[in-house]
Amino acid sequence: MNRNPIIPFVLIMVMGIGLMFLLSFKGLGDAKDLAKEKEGGGKTEETAEVNPEEFYQQTCAGCHGNQYEGVSGPSLKGVGSKYSKDEIKDILTNGKGNMPPGMAAGKEEQMAEWIVKELK
């Protein structure tokens, strides 16, 4: 009743190689989906409806403060009456001063509308 000790190792090796091939093909399929999404063919996070208040708290409050009072960035109180909606969209898209461009990528329209209405 001598068993060959190599058989378990060979089985593990064969299963490992098979798993590598399976995951490689899975990755190729995912790569095609990611490329399609990047071209705009799939639904992305940017196309989803956003709650401007929540987005502000997650992204902007660090610099502009929880109460819009300004911390390292300027105060946003009164910005809605100081700038037009298009000017705010331009600032969100291209940045201004220390504000980097693209902070609200894909959400500029909704954020600018919210700022004009809420931060007068």
PDB file of N, CA and C in Angstrom:
ATOM      1  N   MET A   1       0.809  -1.178   0.000  1.00  0.00           N
ATOM      2  CA  MET A   1       0.000   0.000   0.000  1.00  0.00           C
ATOM      3  C   MET A   1       0.865   1.259   0.000  1.00  0.00           C
ATOM      4  N   ASN A   2       1.771   1.279  -0.859  1.00  0.00           N
ATOM      5  CA  ASN A   2       2.579   2.481  -1.002  1.00  0.00           C
ATOM      6  C   ASN A   2       1.906   3.411  -1.992  1.00  0.00           C
ATOM      7  N   ARG A   3       1.643   4.608  -1.544  1.00  0.00           N
ATOM      8  CA  ARG A   3       1.057   5.624  -2.422  1.00  0.00           C
ATOM      9  C   ARG A   3       2.170   6.515  -2.938  1.00  0.00           C
ATOM     10  N   ASN A   4       1.945   7.037  -4.123  1.00  0.00           N
ATOM     11  CA  ASN A   4       2.918   7.930  -4.711  1.00  0.00           C
ATOM     12  C   ASN A   4       2.729   9.326  -4.096  1.00  0.00           C
ATOM     13  N   PRO A   5       3.717   9.881  -3.405  1.00  0.00           N
ATOM     14  CA  PRO A   5       3.558  11.175  -2.731  1.00  0.00           C
ATOM     15  C   PRO A   5       3.513  12.368  -3.702  1.00  0.00           C
ATOM     16  N   ILE A   6       3.838  12.163  -4.943  1.00  0.00           N
ATOM     17  CA  ILE A   6       3.869  13.246  -5.937  1.00  0.00           C
ATOM     18  C   ILE A   6       2.468  13.602  -6.426  1.00  0.00           C
ATOM     19  N   ILE A   7       1.538  12.671  -6.392  1.00  0.00           N
ATOM     20  CA  ILE A   7       0.199  12.870  -6.964  1.00  0.00           C
ATOM     21  C   ILE A   7      -0.523  14.087  -6.360  1.00  0.00           C
ATOM     22  N   PRO A   8      -0.553  14.292  -5.052  1.00  0.00           N
ATOM     23  CA  PRO A   8      -1.239  15.484  -4.536  1.00  0.00           C
ATOM     24  C   PRO A   8      -0.619  16.785  -5.054  1.00  0.00           C
ATOM     25  N   PHE A   9       0.695  16.821  -5.158  1.00  0.00           N
ATOM     26  CA  PHE A   9       1.348  18.026  -5.656  1.00  0.00           C
ATOM     27  C   PHE A   9       1.027  18.285  -7.121  1.00  0.00           C
ATOM     28  N   VAL A  10       0.961  17.239  -7.903  1.00  0.00           N
ATOM     29  CA  VAL A  10       0.624  17.374  -9.325  1.00  0.00           C
ATOM     30  C   VAL A  10      -0.820  17.861  -9.460  1.00  0.00           C
ATOM     31  N   LEU A  11      -1.740  17.334  -8.663  1.00  0.00           N
ATOM     32  CA  LEU A  11      -3.130  17.770  -8.707  1.00  0.00           C
ATOM     33  C   LEU A  11      -3.255  19.249  -8.337  1.00  0.00           C
ATOM     34  N   ILE A  12      -2.539  19.662  -7.311  1.00  0.00           N
ATOM     35  CA  ILE A  12      -2.574  21.065  -6.904  1.00  0.00           C
ATOM     36  C   ILE A  12      -2.018  21.943  -8.021  1.00  0.00           C
ATOM     37  N   MET A  13      -0.937  21.508  -8.668  1.00  0.00           N
ATOM     38  CA  MET A  13      -0.339  22.266  -9.752  1.00  0.00           C
ATOM     39  C   MET A  13      -1.314  22.404 -10.923  1.00  0.00           C
ATOM     40  N   VAL A  14      -1.961  21.320 -11.296  1.00  0.00           N
ATOM     41  CA  VAL A  14      -2.903  21.346 -12.419  1.00  0.00           C
ATOM     42  C   VAL A  14      -4.085  22.264 -12.103  1.00  0.00           C
ATOM     43  N   MET A  15      -4.604  22.168 -10.880  1.00  0.00           N
ATOM     44  CA  MET A  15      -5.711  23.053 -10.503  1.00  0.00           C
ATOM     45  C   MET A  15      -5.264  24.520 -10.486  1.00  0.00           C
ATOM     46  N   GLY A  16      -4.065  24.789 -10.024  1.00  0.00           N
ATOM     47  CA  GLY A  16      -3.549  26.153  -9.998  1.00  0.00           C
ATOM     48  C   GLY A  16      -3.396  26.730 -11.397  1.00  0.00           C
ATOM     49  N   ILE A  17      -2.857  25.945 -12.317  1.00  0.00           N
ATOM     50  CA  ILE A  17      -2.696  26.406 -13.696  1.00  0.00           C
ATOM     51  C   ILE A  17      -4.067  26.627 -14.337  1.00  0.00           C
ATOM     52  N   GLY A  18      -4.996  25.735 -14.092  1.00  0.00           N
ATOM     53  CA  GLY A  18      -6.352  25.901 -14.623  1.00  0.00           C
ATOM     54  C   GLY A  18      -7.010  27.161 -14.085  1.00  0.00           C
ATOM     55  N   LEU A  19      -6.828  27.431 -12.811  1.00  0.00           N
ATOM     56  CA  LEU A  19      -7.392  28.632 -12.196  1.00  0.00           C
ATOM     57  C   LEU A  19      -6.775  29.896 -12.788  1.00  0.00           C
ATOM     58  N   MET A  20      -5.466  29.863 -13.069  1.00  0.00           N
ATOM     59  CA  MET A  20      -4.812  31.016 -13.696  1.00  0.00           C
ATOM     60  C   MET A  20      -5.423  31.304 -15.069  1.00  0.00           C
ATOM     61  N   PHE A  21      -5.655  30.268 -15.865  1.00  0.00           N
ATOM     62  CA  PHE A  21      -6.265  30.474 -17.176  1.00  0.00           C
ATOM     63  C   PHE A  21      -7.687  31.010 -17.053  1.00  0.00           C
ATOM     64  N   LEU A  22      -8.456  30.450 -16.134  1.00  0.00           N
ATOM     65  CA  LEU A  22      -9.825  30.896 -15.921  1.00  0.00           C
ATOM     66  C   LEU A  22      -9.861  32.370 -15.524  1.00  0.00           C
ATOM     67  N   LEU A  23      -9.030  32.774 -14.587  1.00  0.00           N
ATOM     68  CA  LEU A  23      -9.009  34.165 -14.148  1.00  0.00           C
ATOM     69  C   LEU A  23      -8.483  35.093 -15.244  1.00  0.00           C
ATOM     70  N   SER A  24      -7.581  34.613 -16.069  1.00  0.00           N
ATOM     71  CA  SER A  24      -7.082  35.429 -17.182  1.00  0.00           C
ATOM     72  C   SER A  24      -8.203  35.733 -18.161  1.00  0.00           C
ATOM     73  N   PHE A  25      -8.994  34.737 -18.505  1.00  0.00           N
ATOM     74  CA  PHE A  25     -10.108  34.973 -19.420  1.00  0.00           C
ATOM     75  C   PHE A  25     -11.161  35.879 -18.791  1.00  0.00           C
ATOM     76  N   LYS A  26     -11.386  35.722 -17.503  1.00  0.00           N
ATOM     77  CA  LYS A  26     -12.313  36.601 -16.793  1.00  0.00           C
ATOM     78  C   LYS A  26     -11.802  38.045 -16.837  1.00  0.00           C
ATOM     79  N   GLY A  27     -10.505  38.233 -16.646  1.00  0.00           N
ATOM     80  CA  GLY A  27      -9.908  39.558 -16.695  1.00  0.00           C
ATOM     81  C   GLY A  27     -10.020  40.188 -18.071  1.00  0.00           C
ATOM     82  N   LEU A  28      -9.890  39.408 -19.119  1.00  0.00           N
ATOM     83  CA  LEU A  28     -10.038  39.939 -20.477  1.00  0.00           C
ATOM     84  C   LEU A  28     -11.448  40.457 -20.703  1.00  0.00           C
ATOM     85  N   GLY A  29     -12.434  39.732 -20.215  1.00  0.00           N
ATOM     86  CA  GLY A  29     -13.819  40.181 -20.339  1.00  0.00           C
ATOM     87  C   GLY A  29     -14.062  41.463 -19.560  1.00  0.00           C
ATOM     88  N   ASP A  30     -13.493  41.540 -18.352  1.00  0.00           N
ATOM     89  CA  ASP A  30     -13.639  42.746 -17.543  1.00  0.00           C
ATOM     90  C   ASP A  30     -12.946  43.934 -18.199  1.00  0.00           C
ATOM     91  N   ALA A  31     -11.809  43.693 -18.836  1.00  0.00           N
ATOM     92  CA  ALA A  31     -11.077  44.773 -19.497  1.00  0.00           C
ATOM     93  C   ALA A  31     -11.917  45.371 -20.620  1.00  0.00           C
ATOM     94  N   LYS A  32     -12.627  44.536 -21.362  1.00  0.00           N
ATOM     95  CA  LYS A  32     -13.490  45.033 -22.437  1.00  0.00           C
ATOM     96  C   LYS A  32     -14.620  45.888 -21.857  1.00  0.00           C
ATOM     97  N   ASP A  33     -15.206  45.443 -20.759  1.00  0.00           N
ATOM     98  CA  ASP A  33     -16.270  46.215 -20.115  1.00  0.00           C
ATOM     99  C   ASP A  33     -15.757  47.556 -19.602  1.00  0.00           C
ATOM    100  N   LEU A  34     -14.568  47.555 -19.011  1.00  0.00           N
ATOM    101  CA  LEU A  34     -13.987  48.800 -18.506  1.00  0.00           C
ATOM    102  C   LEU A  34     -13.679  49.768 -19.643  1.00  0.00           C
ATOM    103  N   ALA A  35     -13.185  49.240 -20.758  1.00  0.00           N
ATOM    104  CA  ALA A  35     -12.894  50.096 -21.909  1.00  0.00           C
ATOM    105  C   ALA A  35     -14.183  50.699 -22.459  1.00  0.00           C
ATOM    106  N   LYS A  36     -15.240  49.904 -22.519  1.00  0.00           N
ATOM    107  CA  LYS A  36     -16.525  50.398 -23.011  1.00  0.00           C
ATOM    108  C   LYS A  36     -17.069  51.475 -22.080  1.00  0.00           C
ATOM    109  N   GLU A  37     -16.933  51.263 -20.770  1.00  0.00           N
ATOM    110  CA  GLU A  37     -17.406  52.241 -19.791  1.00  0.00           C
ATOM    111  C   GLU A  37     -16.605  53.537 -19.883  1.00  0.00           C
ATOM    112  N   LYS A  38     -15.307  53.419 -20.113  1.00  0.00           N
ATOM    113  CA  LYS A  38     -14.456  54.602 -20.215  1.00  0.00           C
ATOM    114  C   LYS A  38     -14.810  55.422 -21.455  1.00  0.00           C
ATOM    115  N   GLU A  39     -15.233  54.772 -22.517  1.00  0.00           N
ATOM    116  CA  GLU A  39     -15.650  55.463 -23.734  1.00  0.00           C
ATOM    117  C   GLU A  39     -17.029  56.087 -23.583  1.00  0.00           C
ATOM    118  N   GLY A  40     -17.728  55.778 -22.514  1.00  0.00           N
ATOM    119  CA  GLY A  40     -19.038  56.355 -22.274  1.00  0.00           C
ATOM    120  C   GLY A  40     -20.172  55.404 -22.621  1.00  0.00           C
ATOM    121  N   GLY A  41     -19.859  54.172 -22.928  1.00  0.00           N
ATOM    122  CA  GLY A  41     -20.885  53.219 -23.312  1.00  0.00           C
ATOM    123  C   GLY A  41     -21.651  52.642 -22.147  1.00  0.00           C
ATOM    124  N   GLY A  42     -21.033  52.589 -20.986  1.00  0.00           N
ATOM    125  CA  GLY A  42     -21.697  52.022 -19.825  1.00  0.00           C
ATOM    126  C   GLY A  42     -22.115  53.105 -18.863  1.00  0.00           C
ATOM    127  N   LYS A  43     -22.937  52.741 -17.919  1.00  0.00           N
ATOM    128  CA  LYS A  43     -23.368  53.709 -16.914  1.00  0.00           C
ATOM    129  C   LYS A  43     -22.242  53.881 -15.913  1.00  0.00           C
ATOM    130  N   THR A  44     -21.872  55.111 -15.658  1.00  0.00           N
ATOM    131  CA  THR A  44     -20.802  55.385 -14.709  1.00  0.00           C
ATOM    132  C   THR A  44     -21.366  56.109 -13.505  1.00  0.00           C
ATOM    133  N   GLU A  45     -20.536  56.271 -12.528  1.00  0.00           N
ATOM    134  CA  GLU A  45     -20.921  56.960 -11.308  1.00  0.00           C
ATOM    135  C   GLU A  45     -21.252  58.419 -11.600  1.00  0.00           C
ATOM    136  N   GLU A  46     -20.578  58.995 -12.606  1.00  0.00           N
ATOM    137  CA  GLU A  46     -20.769  60.401 -12.921  1.00  0.00           C
ATOM    138  C   GLU A  46     -22.149  60.688 -13.502  1.00  0.00           C
ATOM    139  N   THR A  47     -22.756  59.690 -14.154  1.00  0.00           N
ATOM    140  CA  THR A  47     -24.051  59.923 -14.768  1.00  0.00           C
ATOM    141  C   THR A  47     -25.196  59.768 -13.762  1.00  0.00           C
ATOM    142  N   ALA A  48     -24.896  59.245 -12.601  1.00  0.00           N
ATOM    143  CA  ALA A  48     -25.926  59.040 -11.596  1.00  0.00           C
ATOM    144  C   ALA A  48     -26.346  60.381 -10.989  1.00  0.00           C
ATOM    145  N   GLU A  49     -27.576  60.444 -10.531  1.00  0.00           N
ATOM    146  CA  GLU A  49     -28.091  61.642  -9.867  1.00  0.00           C
ATOM    147  C   GLU A  49     -27.344  61.830  -8.560  1.00  0.00           C
ATOM    148  N   VAL A  50     -27.006  63.054  -8.250  1.00  0.00           N
ATOM    149  CA  VAL A  50     -26.231  63.336  -7.047  1.00  0.00           C
ATOM    150  C   VAL A  50     -27.010  64.291  -6.150  1.00  0.00           C
ATOM    151  N   ASN A  51     -26.900  64.096  -4.853  1.00  0.00           N
ATOM    152  CA  ASN A  51     -27.465  65.022  -3.888  1.00  0.00           C
ATOM    153  C   ASN A  51     -26.377  66.055  -3.608  1.00  0.00           C
ATOM    154  N   PRO A  52     -26.551  67.312  -4.051  1.00  0.00           N
ATOM    155  CA  PRO A  52     -25.492  68.310  -3.915  1.00  0.00           C
ATOM    156  C   PRO A  52     -25.045  68.552  -2.474  1.00  0.00           C
ATOM    157  N   GLU A  53     -25.966  68.520  -1.522  1.00  0.00           N
ATOM    158  CA  GLU A  53     -25.600  68.740  -0.120  1.00  0.00           C
ATOM    159  C   GLU A  53     -24.664  67.636   0.372  1.00  0.00           C
ATOM    160  N   GLU A  54     -24.992  66.377   0.063  1.00  0.00           N
ATOM    161  CA  GLU A  54     -24.145  65.259   0.473  1.00  0.00           C
ATOM    162  C   GLU A  54     -22.792  65.333  -0.231  1.00  0.00           C
ATOM    163  N   PHE A  55     -22.810  65.665  -1.522  1.00  0.00           N
ATOM    164  CA  PHE A  55     -21.561  65.783  -2.274  1.00  0.00           C
ATOM    165  C   PHE A  55     -20.683  66.871  -1.664  1.00  0.00           C
ATOM    166  N   TYR A  56     -21.287  67.985  -1.290  1.00  0.00           N
ATOM    167  CA  TYR A  56     -20.543  69.069  -0.646  1.00  0.00           C
ATOM    168  C   TYR A  56     -19.894  68.574   0.647  1.00  0.00           C
ATOM    169  N   GLN A  57     -20.663  67.890   1.478  1.00  0.00           N
ATOM    170  CA  GLN A  57     -20.135  67.421   2.762  1.00  0.00           C
ATOM    171  C   GLN A  57     -18.983  66.430   2.569  1.00  0.00           C
ATOM    172  N   GLN A  58     -19.065  65.595   1.532  1.00  0.00           N
ATOM    173  CA  GLN A  58     -18.024  64.597   1.286  1.00  0.00           C
ATOM    174  C   GLN A  58     -16.792  65.192   0.630  1.00  0.00           C
ATOM    175  N   THR A  59     -16.973  66.145  -0.278  1.00  0.00           N
ATOM    176  CA  THR A  59     -15.876  66.605  -1.121  1.00  0.00           C
ATOM    177  C   THR A  59     -15.387  68.004  -0.792  1.00  0.00           C
ATOM    178  N   CYS A  60     -16.281  68.911  -0.491  1.00  0.00           N
ATOM    179  CA  CYS A  60     -15.935  70.332  -0.415  1.00  0.00           C
ATOM    180  C   CYS A  60     -15.755  70.845   1.011  1.00  0.00           C
ATOM    181  N   ALA A  61     -16.420  70.221   1.977  1.00  0.00           N
ATOM    182  CA  ALA A  61     -16.433  70.740   3.341  1.00  0.00           C
ATOM    183  C   ALA A  61     -15.045  70.787   3.971  1.00  0.00           C
ATOM    184  N   GLY A  62     -14.141  69.964   3.527  1.00  0.00           N
ATOM    185  CA  GLY A  62     -12.791  69.966   4.080  1.00  0.00           C
ATOM    186  C   GLY A  62     -12.101  71.314   3.905  1.00  0.00           C
ATOM    187  N   CYS A  63     -12.346  71.966   2.779  1.00  0.00           N
ATOM    188  CA  CYS A  63     -11.711  73.269   2.508  1.00  0.00           C
ATOM    189  C   CYS A  63     -12.650  74.444   2.768  1.00  0.00           C
ATOM    190  N   HIS A  64     -13.939  74.260   2.507  1.00  0.00           N
ATOM    191  CA  HIS A  64     -14.889  75.372   2.615  1.00  0.00           C
ATOM    192  C   HIS A  64     -15.690  75.352   3.908  1.00  0.00           C
ATOM    193  N   GLY A  65     -15.497  74.340   4.744  1.00  0.00           N
ATOM    194  CA  GLY A  65     -16.153  74.272   6.043  1.00  0.00           C
ATOM    195  C   GLY A  65     -17.546  73.678   5.991  1.00  0.00           C
ATOM    196  N   ASN A  66     -17.962  73.083   7.110  1.00  0.00           N
ATOM    197  CA  ASN A  66     -19.286  72.456   7.205  1.00  0.00           C
ATOM    198  C   ASN A  66     -20.422  73.456   7.082  1.00  0.00           C
ATOM    199  N   GLN A  67     -20.176  74.679   7.524  1.00  0.00           N
ATOM    200  CA  GLN A  67     -21.200  75.724   7.471  1.00  0.00           C
ATOM    201  C   GLN A  67     -20.875  76.759   6.392  1.00  0.00           C
ATOM    202  N   TYR A  68     -20.054  76.369   5.411  1.00  0.00           N
ATOM    203  CA  TYR A  68     -19.679  77.212   4.262  1.00  0.00           C
ATOM    204  C   TYR A  68     -18.846  78.422   4.695  1.00  0.00           C
ATOM    205  N   GLU A  69     -18.263  78.376   5.914  1.00  0.00           N
ATOM    206  CA  GLU A  69     -17.568  79.528   6.463  1.00  0.00           C
ATOM    207  C   GLU A  69     -16.149  79.695   5.926  1.00  0.00           C
ATOM    208  N   GLY A  70     -15.634  78.671   5.275  1.00  0.00           N
ATOM    209  CA  GLY A  70     -14.272  78.735   4.758  1.00  0.00           C
ATOM    210  C   GLY A  70     -13.279  78.251   5.795  1.00  0.00           C
ATOM    211  N   VAL A  71     -12.375  77.392   5.393  1.00  0.00           N
ATOM    212  CA  VAL A  71     -11.316  76.900   6.266  1.00  0.00           C
ATOM    213  C   VAL A  71     -10.013  77.247   5.555  1.00  0.00           C
ATOM    214  N   SER A  72      -9.525  76.336   4.731  1.00  0.00           N
ATOM    215  CA  SER A  72      -8.356  76.658   3.911  1.00  0.00           C
ATOM    216  C   SER A  72      -8.798  77.272   2.588  1.00  0.00           C
ATOM    217  N   GLY A  73     -10.054  77.029   2.212  1.00  0.00           N
ATOM    218  CA  GLY A  73     -10.645  77.651   1.025  1.00  0.00           C
ATOM    219  C   GLY A  73     -11.491  78.839   1.443  1.00  0.00           C
ATOM    220  N   PRO A  74     -11.937  79.640   0.508  1.00  0.00           N
ATOM    221  CA  PRO A  74     -12.733  80.822   0.860  1.00  0.00           C
ATOM    222  C   PRO A  74     -14.136  80.454   1.352  1.00  0.00           C
ATOM    223  N   SER A  75     -14.748  81.378   2.047  1.00  0.00           N
ATOM    224  CA  SER A  75     -16.124  81.213   2.501  1.00  0.00           C
ATOM    225  C   SER A  75     -17.043  81.180   1.285  1.00  0.00           C
ATOM    226  N   LEU A  76     -18.049  80.331   1.337  1.00  0.00           N
ATOM    227  CA  LEU A  76     -19.008  80.246   0.239  1.00  0.00           C
ATOM    228  C   LEU A  76     -20.300  80.994   0.538  1.00  0.00           C
ATOM    229  N   LYS A  77     -20.383  81.631   1.690  1.00  0.00           N
ATOM    230  CA  LYS A  77     -21.578  82.404   2.014  1.00  0.00           C
ATOM    231  C   LYS A  77     -21.677  83.579   1.057  1.00  0.00           C
ATOM    232  N   GLY A  78     -22.800  83.693   0.375  1.00  0.00           N
ATOM    233  CA  GLY A  78     -23.021  84.778  -0.564  1.00  0.00           C
ATOM    234  C   GLY A  78     -22.486  84.532  -1.963  1.00  0.00           C
ATOM    235  N   VAL A  79     -21.891  83.383  -2.195  1.00  0.00           N
ATOM    236  CA  VAL A  79     -21.328  83.091  -3.520  1.00  0.00           C
ATOM    237  C   VAL A  79     -22.423  83.010  -4.575  1.00  0.00           C
ATOM    238  N   GLY A  80     -23.602  82.531  -4.206  1.00  0.00           N
ATOM    239  CA  GLY A  80     -24.705  82.409  -5.155  1.00  0.00           C
ATOM    240  C   GLY A  80     -25.169  83.745  -5.701  1.00  0.00           C
ATOM    241  N   SER A  81     -24.986  84.805  -4.955  1.00  0.00           N
ATOM    242  CA  SER A  81     -25.367  86.122  -5.461  1.00  0.00           C
ATOM    243  C   SER A  81     -24.180  86.853  -6.095  1.00  0.00           C
ATOM    244  N   LYS A  82     -22.977  86.441  -5.774  1.00  0.00           N
ATOM    245  CA  LYS A  82     -21.773  87.076  -6.302  1.00  0.00           C
ATOM    246  C   LYS A  82     -21.440  86.584  -7.713  1.00  0.00           C
ATOM    247  N   TYR A  83     -21.643  85.284  -7.969  1.00  0.00           N
ATOM    248  CA  TYR A  83     -21.321  84.685  -9.262  1.00  0.00           C
ATOM    249  C   TYR A  83     -22.578  84.138  -9.917  1.00  0.00           C
ATOM    250  N   SER A  84     -22.573  84.102 -11.250  1.00  0.00           N
ATOM    251  CA  SER A  84     -23.692  83.483 -11.974  1.00  0.00           C
ATOM    252  C   SER A  84     -23.485  81.968 -11.988  1.00  0.00           C
ATOM    253  N   LYS A  85     -24.517  81.260 -12.399  1.00  0.00           N
ATOM    254  CA  LYS A  85     -24.452  79.804 -12.475  1.00  0.00           C
ATOM    255  C   LYS A  85     -23.336  79.375 -13.425  1.00  0.00           C
ATOM    256  N   ASP A  86     -23.189  80.055 -14.558  1.00  0.00           N
ATOM    257  CA  ASP A  86     -22.155  79.701 -15.525  1.00  0.00           C
ATOM    258  C   ASP A  86     -20.758  79.962 -14.978  1.00  0.00           C
ATOM    259  N   GLU A  87     -20.595  81.040 -14.217  1.00  0.00           N
ATOM    260  CA  GLU A  87     -19.291  81.329 -13.616  1.00  0.00           C
ATOM    261  C   GLU A  87     -18.925  80.273 -12.574  1.00  0.00           C
ATOM    262  N   ILE A  88     -19.906  79.819 -11.816  1.00  0.00           N
ATOM    263  CA  ILE A  88     -19.659  78.784 -10.812  1.00  0.00           C
ATOM    264  C   ILE A  88     -19.306  77.473 -11.496  1.00  0.00           C
ATOM    265  N   LYS A  89     -20.021  77.161 -12.583  1.00  0.00           N
ATOM    266  CA  LYS A  89     -19.692  75.946 -13.346  1.00  0.00           C
ATOM    267  C   LYS A  89     -18.264  76.012 -13.861  1.00  0.00           C
ATOM    268  N   ASP A  90     -17.848  77.191 -14.346  1.00  0.00           N
ATOM    269  CA  ASP A  90     -16.493  77.359 -14.852  1.00  0.00           C
ATOM    270  C   ASP A  90     -15.461  77.161 -13.738  1.00  0.00           C
ATOM    271  N   ILE A  91     -15.745  77.677 -12.562  1.00  0.00           N
ATOM    272  CA  ILE A  91     -14.824  77.504 -11.426  1.00  0.00           C
ATOM    273  C   ILE A  91     -14.739  76.030 -11.038  1.00  0.00           C
ATOM    274  N   LEU A  92     -15.884  75.335 -11.008  1.00  0.00           N
ATOM    275  CA  LEU A  92     -15.878  73.910 -10.671  1.00  0.00           C
ATOM    276  C   LEU A  92     -15.122  73.093 -11.710  1.00  0.00           C
ATOM    277  N   THR A  93     -15.217  73.491 -12.967  1.00  0.00           N
ATOM    278  CA  THR A  93     -14.565  72.750 -14.046  1.00  0.00           C
ATOM    279  C   THR A  93     -13.075  73.055 -14.131  1.00  0.00           C
ATOM    280  N   ASN A  94     -12.724  74.339 -14.107  1.00  0.00           N
ATOM    281  CA  ASN A  94     -11.335  74.750 -14.369  1.00  0.00           C
ATOM    282  C   ASN A  94     -10.549  75.128 -13.119  1.00  0.00           C
ATOM    283  N   GLY A  95     -11.219  75.242 -11.988  1.00  0.00           N
ATOM    284  CA  GLY A  95     -10.545  75.648 -10.768  1.00  0.00           C
ATOM    285  C   GLY A  95     -10.333  77.150 -10.733  1.00  0.00           C
ATOM    286  N   LYS A  96      -9.947  77.639  -9.571  1.00  0.00           N
ATOM    287  CA  LYS A  96      -9.665  79.067  -9.417  1.00  0.00           C
ATOM    288  C   LYS A  96      -8.866  79.225  -8.135  1.00  0.00           C
ATOM    289  N   GLY A  97      -7.774  79.964  -8.210  1.00  0.00           N
ATOM    290  CA  GLY A  97      -6.931  80.139  -7.038  1.00  0.00           C
ATOM    291  C   GLY A  97      -6.350  78.812  -6.595  1.00  0.00           C
ATOM    292  N   ASN A  98      -6.589  78.441  -5.332  1.00  0.00           N
ATOM    293  CA  ASN A  98      -6.078  77.167  -4.808  1.00  0.00           C
ATOM    294  C   ASN A  98      -6.990  75.987  -5.094  1.00  0.00           C
ATOM    295  N   MET A  99      -8.177  76.244  -5.637  1.00  0.00           N
ATOM    296  CA  MET A  99      -9.100  75.151  -5.921  1.00  0.00           C
ATOM    297  C   MET A  99      -8.659  74.419  -7.184  1.00  0.00           C
ATOM    298  N   PRO A 100      -8.416  73.113  -7.069  1.00  0.00           N
ATOM    299  CA  PRO A 100      -7.998  72.360  -8.247  1.00  0.00           C
ATOM    300  C   PRO A 100      -9.158  72.146  -9.209  1.00  0.00           C
ATOM    301  N   PRO A 101      -8.875  71.998 -10.495  1.00  0.00           N
ATOM    302  CA  PRO A 101      -9.935  71.752 -11.471  1.00  0.00           C
ATOM    303  C   PRO A 101     -10.508  70.341 -11.337  1.00  0.00           C
ATOM    304  N   GLY A 102     -11.751  70.196 -11.757  1.00  0.00           N
ATOM    305  CA  GLY A 102     -12.374  68.869 -11.832  1.00  0.00           C
ATOM    306  C   GLY A 102     -12.809  68.271 -10.518  1.00  0.00           C
ATOM    307  N   MET A 103     -12.992  69.066  -9.493  1.00  0.00           N
ATOM    308  CA  MET A 103     -13.398  68.515  -8.200  1.00  0.00           C
ATOM    309  C   MET A 103     -14.809  67.940  -8.241  1.00  0.00           C
ATOM    310  N   ALA A 104     -15.641  68.440  -9.143  1.00  0.00           N
ATOM    311  CA  ALA A 104     -17.017  67.949  -9.252  1.00  0.00           C
ATOM    312  C   ALA A 104     -17.251  67.411 -10.658  1.00  0.00           C
ATOM    313  N   ALA A 105     -16.301  66.648 -11.160  1.00  0.00           N
ATOM    314  CA  ALA A 105     -16.368  66.156 -12.533  1.00  0.00           C
ATOM    315  C   ALA A 105     -17.688  65.440 -12.809  1.00  0.00           C
ATOM    316  N   GLY A 106     -18.404  65.931 -13.805  1.00  0.00           N
ATOM    317  CA  GLY A 106     -19.684  65.343 -14.186  1.00  0.00           C
ATOM    318  C   GLY A 106     -20.864  65.832 -13.369  1.00  0.00           C
ATOM    319  N   LYS A 107     -20.600  66.592 -12.323  1.00  0.00           N
ATOM    320  CA  LYS A 107     -21.667  67.057 -11.432  1.00  0.00           C
ATOM    321  C   LYS A 107     -21.718  68.585 -11.388  1.00  0.00           C
ATOM    322  N   GLU A 108     -20.989  69.244 -12.287  1.00  0.00           N
ATOM    323  CA  GLU A 108     -20.875  70.701 -12.259  1.00  0.00           C
ATOM    324  C   GLU A 108     -22.225  71.394 -12.367  1.00  0.00           C
ATOM    325  N   GLU A 109     -23.069  70.921 -13.268  1.00  0.00           N
ATOM    326  CA  GLU A 109     -24.381  71.542 -13.501  1.00  0.00           C
ATOM    327  C   GLU A 109     -25.221  71.512 -12.231  1.00  0.00           C
ATOM    328  N   GLN A 110     -25.332  70.341 -11.620  1.00  0.00           N
ATOM    329  CA  GLN A 110     -26.145  70.200 -10.403  1.00  0.00           C
ATOM    330  C   GLN A 110     -25.561  70.994  -9.243  1.00  0.00           C
ATOM    331  N   MET A 111     -24.238  70.961  -9.100  1.00  0.00           N
ATOM    332  CA  MET A 111     -23.608  71.687  -7.998  1.00  0.00           C
ATOM    333  C   MET A 111     -23.753  73.193  -8.180  1.00  0.00           C
ATOM    334  N   ALA A 112     -23.572  73.698  -9.406  1.00  0.00           N
ATOM    335  CA  ALA A 112     -23.693  75.137  -9.658  1.00  0.00           C
ATOM    336  C   ALA A 112     -25.118  75.608  -9.377  1.00  0.00           C
ATOM    337  N   GLU A 113     -26.091  74.817  -9.807  1.00  0.00           N
ATOM    338  CA  GLU A 113     -27.498  75.172  -9.551  1.00  0.00           C
ATOM    339  C   GLU A 113     -27.771  75.213  -8.055  1.00  0.00           C
ATOM    340  N   TRP A 114     -27.255  74.241  -7.322  1.00  0.00           N
ATOM    341  CA  TRP A 114     -27.466  74.182  -5.878  1.00  0.00           C
ATOM    342  C   TRP A 114     -26.811  75.377  -5.191  1.00  0.00           C
ATOM    343  N   ILE A 115     -25.577  75.697  -5.596  1.00  0.00           N
ATOM    344  CA  ILE A 115     -24.849  76.817  -4.975  1.00  0.00           C
ATOM    345  C   ILE A 115     -25.599  78.127  -5.198  1.00  0.00           C
ATOM    346  N   VAL A 116     -26.106  78.348  -6.418  1.00  0.00           N
ATOM    347  CA  VAL A 116     -26.827  79.594  -6.714  1.00  0.00           C
ATOM    348  C   VAL A 116     -28.099  79.699  -5.874  1.00  0.00           C
ATOM    349  N   LYS A 117     -28.808  78.561  -5.701  1.00  0.00           N
ATOM    350  CA  LYS A 117     -30.057  78.585  -4.945  1.00  0.00           C
ATOM    351  C   LYS A 117     -29.832  78.671  -3.445  1.00  0.00           C
ATOM    352  N   GLU A 118     -28.896  77.883  -2.935  1.00  0.00           N
ATOM    353  CA  GLU A 118     -28.740  77.723  -1.482  1.00  0.00           C
ATOM    354  C   GLU A 118     -27.767  78.694  -0.840  1.00  0.00           C
ATOM    355  N   LEU A 119     -26.755  79.129  -1.543  1.00  0.00           N
ATOM    356  CA  LEU A 119     -25.706  79.932  -0.916  1.00  0.00           C
ATOM    357  C   LEU A 119     -25.759  81.388  -1.383  1.00  0.00           C
ATOM    358  N   LYS A 120     -26.896  82.020  -1.185  1.00  0.00           N
ATOM    359  CA  LYS A 120     -27.062  83.428  -1.573  1.00  0.00           C
ATOM    360  C   LYS A 120     -26.544  84.348  -0.508  1.00  0.00           C
TER     361      LYS A 120
END
